[in-house]
Every structure is written in C-alpha cells, then in structure tokens.
Protein backbone atom coordinates (compact mmCIF):
# COMPACT_ATOMS: atom_id res chain seq x y z
CA MET A 1 23.15 -21.82 87.03
CA ASP A 2 24.83 -23.58 84.13
CA TRP A 3 23.69 -23.09 80.55
CA GLU A 4 21.38 -26.12 80.52
CA GLU A 5 19.48 -24.82 83.54
CA ASP A 6 19.42 -21.34 81.96
CA VAL A 7 17.80 -22.63 78.79
CA GLY A 8 15.31 -24.70 80.71
CA ALA A 9 14.08 -21.60 82.51
CA TYR A 10 12.55 -20.24 79.35
CA LYS A 11 9.20 -21.39 77.98
CA ARG A 12 9.03 -22.52 74.39
CA VAL A 13 7.12 -20.08 72.26
CA GLU A 14 4.85 -21.67 69.67
CA MET A 15 5.04 -19.92 66.33
CA GLN A 16 1.68 -18.77 65.06
CA ARG A 17 1.02 -20.00 61.54
CA GLN A 18 -0.88 -17.52 59.47
CA PRO A 19 -3.55 -19.03 57.22
CA LYS A 20 -2.71 -18.92 53.54
CA PRO A 21 -4.53 -16.11 51.79
CA ALA A 22 -7.28 -17.28 49.48
CA GLU A 23 -6.27 -17.29 45.84
CA THR A 24 -7.95 -14.51 43.97
CA SER A 25 -8.96 -14.80 40.35
CA THR A 26 -9.95 -12.12 37.94
CA PRO A 27 -13.27 -12.50 36.09
CA GLU A 28 -11.25 -13.20 32.96
CA GLN A 29 -9.27 -16.03 34.59
CA LYS A 30 -12.51 -17.54 35.85
CA TYR A 31 -13.95 -17.32 32.34
CA TRP A 32 -11.07 -19.20 30.68
CA ARG A 33 -10.78 -21.76 33.48
CA LYS A 34 -14.25 -23.01 32.69
CA PHE A 35 -12.92 -24.57 29.49
CA LYS A 36 -12.16 -28.14 30.56
CA THR A 37 -9.91 -30.19 28.33
CA VAL A 38 -11.79 -33.08 26.76
CA THR A 39 -10.24 -35.33 24.15
CA ILE A 40 -12.86 -35.87 21.48
CA THR A 41 -10.75 -38.14 19.33
CA LYS A 42 -7.28 -39.52 18.80
CA ALA A 43 -6.64 -39.83 15.09
CA TYR A 44 -3.68 -41.32 13.27
CA ALA A 45 -2.82 -38.04 11.54
CA ALA A 46 -2.24 -34.41 12.48
CA VAL A 47 -5.27 -32.11 12.83
CA HIS A 48 -4.31 -29.24 10.51
CA SER A 49 -7.60 -27.35 10.67
CA VAL A 50 -10.55 -26.84 13.04
CA THR A 51 -13.35 -24.56 11.83
CA PHE A 52 -16.69 -23.70 13.45
CA SER A 53 -19.74 -22.98 11.36
CA PRO A 54 -20.85 -19.34 11.79
CA ALA A 55 -24.49 -20.50 11.89
CA SER A 56 -26.24 -22.24 14.77
CA PRO A 57 -25.79 -25.00 15.96
CA PHE A 58 -22.12 -24.12 15.25
CA ASP A 59 -20.91 -27.48 13.95
CA LEU A 60 -17.17 -28.08 13.91
CA ALA A 61 -15.27 -29.20 10.79
CA VAL A 62 -12.02 -31.06 11.51
CA THR A 63 -9.46 -32.16 8.93
CA ASN A 64 -7.92 -35.55 9.56
CA SER A 65 -5.66 -37.02 6.91
CA THR A 66 -7.89 -37.60 3.85
CA ARG A 67 -11.15 -36.88 5.69
CA VAL A 68 -13.20 -34.00 6.98
CA GLN A 69 -15.23 -34.87 10.06
CA ILE A 70 -18.19 -32.80 11.26
CA TYR A 71 -18.84 -32.68 15.01
CA GLY A 72 -21.65 -31.14 16.99
CA VAL A 73 -20.33 -28.25 19.05
CA ARG A 74 -20.42 -30.37 22.23
CA GLY A 75 -20.40 -33.82 20.69
CA LYS A 76 -17.70 -36.43 21.28
CA ALA A 77 -18.41 -38.40 18.12
CA PRO A 78 -18.57 -37.15 14.52
CA LYS A 79 -22.00 -36.45 13.06
CA LYS A 80 -20.62 -36.98 9.58
CA THR A 81 -17.38 -38.07 7.92
CA ILE A 82 -16.68 -36.76 4.43
CA SER A 83 -14.21 -38.98 2.58
CA ARG A 84 -14.07 -37.39 -0.86
CA PHE A 85 -10.32 -36.81 -0.89
CA LYS A 86 -7.40 -38.77 -2.25
CA ASP A 87 -4.74 -36.96 -0.22
CA VAL A 88 -4.28 -34.95 2.99
CA VAL A 89 -6.80 -32.15 3.64
CA TYR A 90 -5.29 -28.99 5.13
CA CYS A 91 -8.09 -26.43 5.29
CA THR A 92 -11.84 -25.92 5.49
CA ALA A 93 -14.20 -22.93 5.46
CA PHE A 94 -17.92 -22.58 6.09
CA ARG A 95 -20.05 -20.08 4.23
CA ASP A 96 -21.65 -17.50 6.55
CA ASP A 97 -25.02 -19.27 6.46
CA GLY A 98 -23.37 -22.60 7.35
CA LYS A 99 -24.83 -24.35 4.31
CA LEU A 100 -21.68 -24.74 2.22
CA LEU A 101 -18.28 -26.13 3.18
CA ALA A 102 -15.07 -25.69 1.17
CA ALA A 103 -12.02 -27.90 1.64
CA GLY A 104 -8.56 -28.08 0.07
CA GLY A 105 -5.25 -29.84 0.53
CA GLU A 106 -2.53 -31.82 -1.19
CA GLU A 107 -4.94 -32.79 -3.94
CA LYS A 108 -4.66 -29.19 -5.35
CA ASP A 109 -8.38 -29.05 -6.19
CA VAL A 110 -10.80 -27.26 -3.86
CA LYS A 111 -14.11 -28.98 -3.23
CA ILE A 112 -17.38 -27.24 -2.42
CA MET A 113 -19.89 -29.41 -0.55
CA GLU A 114 -23.23 -29.17 1.18
CA ALA A 115 -22.30 -28.96 4.84
CA GLY A 116 -25.31 -30.94 6.00
CA SER A 117 -25.20 -33.86 3.59
CA GLY A 118 -21.58 -33.77 2.40
CA ASN A 119 -22.79 -33.88 -1.20
CA LEU A 120 -20.21 -32.56 -3.67
CA LEU A 121 -21.37 -29.48 -5.58
CA ARG A 122 -18.25 -28.04 -7.26
CA ILE A 123 -14.61 -28.90 -7.87
CA LEU A 124 -12.44 -25.81 -8.31
CA LYS A 125 -9.39 -26.63 -10.43
CA GLY A 126 -6.51 -24.24 -10.93
CA HIS A 127 -3.89 -24.49 -8.19
CA THR A 128 -0.74 -26.36 -9.24
CA ARG A 129 0.39 -27.23 -5.72
CA ALA A 130 -1.21 -27.98 -2.35
CA VAL A 131 -3.92 -25.63 -1.03
CA HIS A 132 -3.42 -24.58 2.60
CA THR A 133 -6.09 -21.93 3.14
CA CYS A 134 -9.57 -21.03 1.92
CA GLN A 135 -12.01 -18.31 2.91
CA PHE A 136 -15.54 -17.38 1.83
CA THR A 137 -16.06 -13.67 1.36
CA ALA A 138 -19.29 -11.79 2.04
CA PRO A 139 -21.92 -11.80 0.65
CA ASN A 140 -21.06 -15.49 0.12
CA ARG A 141 -20.71 -15.42 -3.67
CA HIS A 142 -16.94 -15.75 -3.72
CA LEU A 143 -14.23 -17.99 -2.30
CA ALA A 144 -10.54 -17.12 -1.95
CA THR A 145 -7.92 -19.88 -1.84
CA GLY A 146 -4.17 -19.83 -1.29
CA GLY A 147 -1.54 -22.47 -1.79
CA ASP A 148 2.05 -23.60 -2.12
CA ASP A 149 2.10 -22.24 -5.69
CA ALA A 150 2.26 -18.73 -4.09
CA LEU A 151 -1.07 -17.83 -5.73
CA ILE A 152 -4.33 -16.55 -4.34
CA LYS A 153 -7.29 -17.50 -6.48
CA TYR A 154 -10.64 -15.73 -6.31
CA TRP A 155 -13.55 -17.92 -7.37
CA ASP A 156 -17.19 -17.46 -8.27
CA VAL A 157 -18.84 -20.14 -6.14
CA SER A 158 -22.01 -20.53 -8.22
CA SER A 159 -20.21 -21.08 -11.54
CA GLY A 160 -16.95 -22.57 -10.25
CA GLN A 161 -14.93 -20.15 -12.40
CA CYS A 162 -11.74 -18.46 -11.26
CA LEU A 163 -12.27 -14.70 -11.54
CA LEU A 164 -8.80 -13.56 -10.45
CA ASP A 165 -5.27 -14.78 -9.93
CA MET A 166 -3.66 -12.56 -7.31
CA GLU A 167 0.08 -12.71 -7.89
CA GLY A 168 2.73 -11.12 -5.70
CA HIS A 169 3.90 -13.63 -3.12
CA SER A 170 7.12 -15.53 -3.82
CA ASP A 171 6.52 -18.46 -1.43
CA HIS A 172 3.75 -20.59 0.04
CA VAL A 173 0.52 -18.81 1.02
CA ARG A 174 -0.53 -20.16 4.42
CA SER A 175 -3.42 -18.04 5.64
CA LEU A 176 -6.20 -15.75 4.40
CA ALA A 177 -8.47 -13.37 6.27
CA THR A 178 -11.32 -11.19 5.02
CA SER A 179 -11.77 -7.62 6.19
CA PRO A 180 -14.86 -6.90 8.31
CA ALA A 181 -14.94 -3.45 6.72
CA SER A 182 -15.24 -4.56 3.09
CA ALA A 183 -16.06 -7.80 1.30
CA ASP A 184 -13.54 -6.86 -1.38
CA ILE A 185 -10.51 -6.58 0.95
CA LEU A 186 -8.50 -9.70 1.70
CA ALA A 187 -5.31 -10.30 3.71
CA SER A 188 -2.85 -13.05 2.81
CA ALA A 189 0.09 -14.42 4.84
CA SER A 190 3.06 -16.12 3.20
CA TYR A 191 6.32 -17.89 3.92
CA ASP A 192 8.01 -15.05 1.98
CA HIS A 193 7.76 -13.09 5.30
CA THR A 194 5.10 -10.72 3.96
CA VAL A 195 1.42 -10.12 4.55
CA ARG A 196 -0.43 -8.46 1.68
CA LEU A 197 -3.74 -6.67 1.62
CA TRP A 198 -5.62 -7.13 -1.66
CA ASP A 199 -8.53 -5.32 -3.27
CA ALA A 200 -10.47 -7.93 -5.23
CA ARG A 201 -12.03 -5.22 -7.41
CA LEU A 202 -8.55 -4.42 -8.73
CA GLY A 203 -6.86 -7.78 -8.24
CA GLN A 204 -3.89 -5.88 -6.83
CA THR A 205 -1.98 -5.44 -3.59
CA VAL A 206 -2.95 -2.24 -1.79
CA LEU A 207 -0.69 -2.77 1.25
CA SER A 208 2.25 -5.00 2.15
CA VAL A 209 4.06 -5.46 5.46
CA ASN A 210 7.15 -7.53 6.29
CA HIS A 211 6.74 -9.65 9.40
CA GLY A 212 10.40 -10.68 9.45
CA ASP A 213 9.75 -14.44 9.52
CA PRO A 214 7.70 -16.91 7.48
CA VAL A 215 4.12 -15.96 8.31
CA GLN A 216 1.82 -18.75 9.44
CA SER A 217 -1.41 -16.90 10.23
CA VAL A 218 -3.19 -13.55 9.85
CA LEU A 219 -6.30 -12.01 11.45
CA MET A 220 -8.29 -8.85 10.66
CA LEU A 221 -9.83 -7.36 13.80
CA PRO A 222 -13.36 -5.88 13.90
CA GLY A 223 -13.55 -2.65 11.95
CA GLY A 224 -10.81 -3.77 9.56
CA GLY A 225 -8.33 -1.16 10.78
CA VAL A 226 -5.97 -3.49 12.66
CA MET A 227 -4.25 -6.65 11.44
CA VAL A 228 -2.52 -9.34 13.53
CA THR A 229 0.20 -11.58 12.06
CA ALA A 230 2.06 -14.58 13.47
CA GLY A 231 5.41 -15.91 12.28
CA GLY A 232 8.21 -17.60 14.19
CA ASN A 233 7.39 -17.17 17.88
CA VAL A 234 6.37 -13.53 17.41
CA MET A 235 2.94 -11.95 17.02
CA LYS A 236 2.77 -8.47 15.46
CA ILE A 237 -0.02 -5.91 15.36
CA TRP A 238 -0.33 -3.50 12.43
CA ASP A 239 -2.33 -0.33 11.84
CA VAL A 240 -3.83 -0.80 8.38
CA LEU A 241 -5.30 2.70 8.20
CA ALA A 242 -1.88 4.21 8.93
CA GLY A 243 -0.34 2.45 5.95
CA GLY A 244 0.82 -0.66 7.75
CA LYS A 245 2.43 0.98 10.78
CA LEU A 246 3.75 -1.55 13.31
CA LEU A 247 1.91 -0.95 16.58
CA GLN A 248 3.32 -3.72 18.72
CA SER A 249 5.43 -6.86 18.66
CA VAL A 250 4.90 -9.52 21.32
CA CYS A 251 6.89 -12.68 22.00
CA ASN A 252 5.41 -14.99 24.62
CA HIS A 253 5.88 -18.42 23.01
CA SER A 254 9.07 -20.47 23.14
CA LYS A 255 8.37 -22.16 19.79
CA PRO A 256 6.73 -21.08 16.51
CA ILE A 257 3.13 -19.88 16.52
CA THR A 258 1.01 -22.01 14.18
CA CYS A 259 -2.44 -20.42 14.43
CA LEU A 260 -4.42 -17.38 15.50
CA ALA A 261 -8.06 -17.16 16.55
CA MET A 262 -10.42 -14.51 17.88
CA ASP A 263 -13.27 -14.57 20.39
CA PRO A 264 -16.81 -13.76 19.15
CA GLU A 265 -16.72 -10.25 20.61
CA GLY A 266 -13.39 -9.40 19.00
CA GLY A 267 -11.89 -8.42 22.34
CA ARG A 268 -9.44 -11.30 22.68
CA VAL A 269 -6.90 -12.86 20.33
CA LEU A 270 -5.70 -16.44 20.84
CA SER A 271 -2.36 -17.83 19.64
CA GLY A 272 -1.52 -21.53 19.46
CA SER A 273 2.05 -22.79 19.27
CA LEU A 274 4.29 -25.81 18.95
CA ASP A 275 5.20 -25.15 22.62
CA HIS A 276 1.84 -26.80 23.56
CA GLN A 277 0.33 -23.51 24.78
CA LEU A 278 -2.72 -21.52 23.74
CA LYS A 279 -2.37 -17.93 24.95
CA VAL A 280 -5.14 -15.35 25.34
CA TYR A 281 -4.38 -11.65 24.73
CA ASP A 282 -6.49 -8.55 25.18
CA VAL A 283 -6.66 -6.26 22.13
CA GLN A 284 -5.90 -3.06 24.02
CA GLU A 285 -2.45 -3.80 25.42
CA TYR A 286 -1.84 -7.26 23.90
CA LYS A 287 -0.84 -8.68 27.26
CA VAL A 288 -1.30 -12.36 28.03
CA ARG A 289 -4.43 -12.68 30.17
CA TYR A 290 -4.51 -16.47 30.36
CA SER A 291 -2.66 -19.55 29.10
CA LEU A 292 -4.12 -22.95 28.35
CA ASP A 293 -1.62 -25.82 28.42
CA TYR A 294 -1.93 -28.92 26.26
CA THR A 295 0.00 -32.15 25.96
CA GLN A 296 1.09 -31.86 22.32
CA PRO A 297 2.20 -29.24 19.77
CA ILE A 298 -0.80 -27.18 18.60
CA LEU A 299 -1.49 -26.85 14.86
CA SER A 300 -4.97 -25.29 14.81
CA ALA A 301 -7.43 -23.58 17.14
CA ALA A 302 -10.87 -21.97 17.00
CA LEU A 303 -13.47 -20.54 19.38
CA SER A 304 -17.14 -21.24 18.73
CA PRO A 305 -19.38 -18.27 17.79
CA ASP A 306 -21.32 -18.66 21.06
CA GLY A 307 -18.06 -18.46 23.02
CA MET A 308 -18.71 -21.76 24.79
CA THR A 309 -16.21 -24.11 23.14
CA VAL A 310 -12.52 -23.92 22.27
CA ALA A 311 -11.36 -26.46 19.69
CA VAL A 312 -7.64 -27.27 19.46
CA GLY A 313 -6.05 -29.59 16.91
CA MET A 314 -2.67 -31.11 17.65
CA ALA A 315 0.22 -32.60 15.73
CA SER A 316 -0.31 -36.02 17.31
CA GLY A 317 -3.90 -36.23 16.07
CA LEU A 318 -5.49 -35.22 19.37
CA LEU A 319 -8.55 -32.96 19.17
C-alpha cells in the first residue's frame, strides 16, 4: 500500500467546537453599562462645568461660552438659558436647597442668581483675574470662590460682602471642596502643586499637601477624613486625620485628569481625562471598576444625586 492508499484508509475526524462561554458581568459592571451615551447638545465652545442641583428634580447647570444653560435631569433641550455674562463662564454651584445658583469666569465677578428664574440677585466683586471655581458652604450662608489671582474669597451671600481673603497659594486656584465634617473646613487645589485645607473661622491653612503636579481637582470624601486630588495623569488619596499622609497614588489615565466626581453614596470616585475616558474607582482599594469611553477630551463630569444620570462635558462642546 502506497502512502496515498494509507492515508485514505483513515476516517477524517471532525473537531468538536466548544460553545463560547457566556460573558459574565459583575453587578457593578451591569450598573455602569446602563448609562447610555446621549448627546444632548453640540455647542460651539468647550463645556468647562456641569453641575447638578442637590435638590429634586436635580436640574443640570452647564457652562457654554458666555452662557449658563439649565437642563432637566433627563431633558435634551435647555429649560432656561442665562445670558448675563460678557465673557466665558468657567464654573457654577447650586446652593443645597437648589434655589440659588452662583457662576464665575473670565469676567472676574461672581454672579448670584435665582436658579428657577435666572434673575440676578448679587454681583460679588473682588477677584482681579478669572474665577475658575465656586462652592456654597453649609448652612448656605457663605460662598467660597477661587481664581487665577491665587486667592480664595469667602463671601456672605446675603450681603454680598467678602468676609475673608485666604492667601497662601502662589498660582491659579482651580478647584474647591467643602468638608462633610464641618461647614468651616474648605479644601483648595492649585496649579502651584499644592492642596490646602482651610479653617474659615481662622482664615488660615490648617493642612497642606504637595501633589507633585499642577492640581486640577479635589474631593472630600464622606466623613471628611479622606481627600482625593488629581493632577497630571495621577490621582492621589490622602488621610486628612493623619496630617496629610499619602495613602495611595493611582495612575490609570494616559493624559491629564481634568475633573473628579463622586457617586451619591460616596462609595465610588469618578475621574475624567483628556484621554476621552471616565474611570470609576471603589474607595476601598481605588481600583478601576469600570471605564466609560467618549469621543472627545473630557473637561467636566458629574453624577446626579439620584444616581441615574452621568453628565460629561467635552472640549469640543459635546455634552
């Protein structure tokens, strides 16, 4: 028997193809997958700030060039457009009851408005350069603002008077966060690489940490004992009660982080970056639990108080 006959004597064996195992998802992955990307608007300018009202129905304030637009939490068209600005608006903040809205930007002045009507109530004058961050402090009587003049100003909302100038930073102040533990404690993040903790009763720094890069954003976690900072493509976690001890440093973005946000329960931290990604971390191990991919560099992000909507503002003007 030659080799051809020898081969022909054997029967071909059909390979059994095993079915692909079903993809398994953790409850957390299922939770974040439910957020479907919907483009609400395409503006002609970058969306520097997205801010949800803390009060139901959780309206969304969006800065767009010289305007602030108010959206319903699930609306695709603005409920109101506030055009009281002569230059670019960079930041907004709602008071805890949702009735007042503060906004600041290149104009240097900070404007206090009725959130529902858009009526102007106060103009806070004092900053000498652009204002990039503002934050109401409980119990809603005061407003803190920070700007490119390296100052943090502490205002009495009812009178419009500046109560304190908090001096200490040597470069632009980009982000403010209030402590859940005390209405008098405020964190500020600056391009001078530092994050400072202030006591408004003293008008002084009570803690300072060096992030190592220009700091773009800061968060105070529930309880006020832990602080999260973002600068460059690195996020750092600090123990405030231990005198600013560095707990962890995580680097999961390929480009600078521009914003931080927190879920309503305080169990997840979100970081948005110029690499088009929004990453979700747990607050126990600070591991990435999910990533949301977008088409453009991210400048701002927020999660609604009911946990049902993620708002992301992009450099191209997409929301």
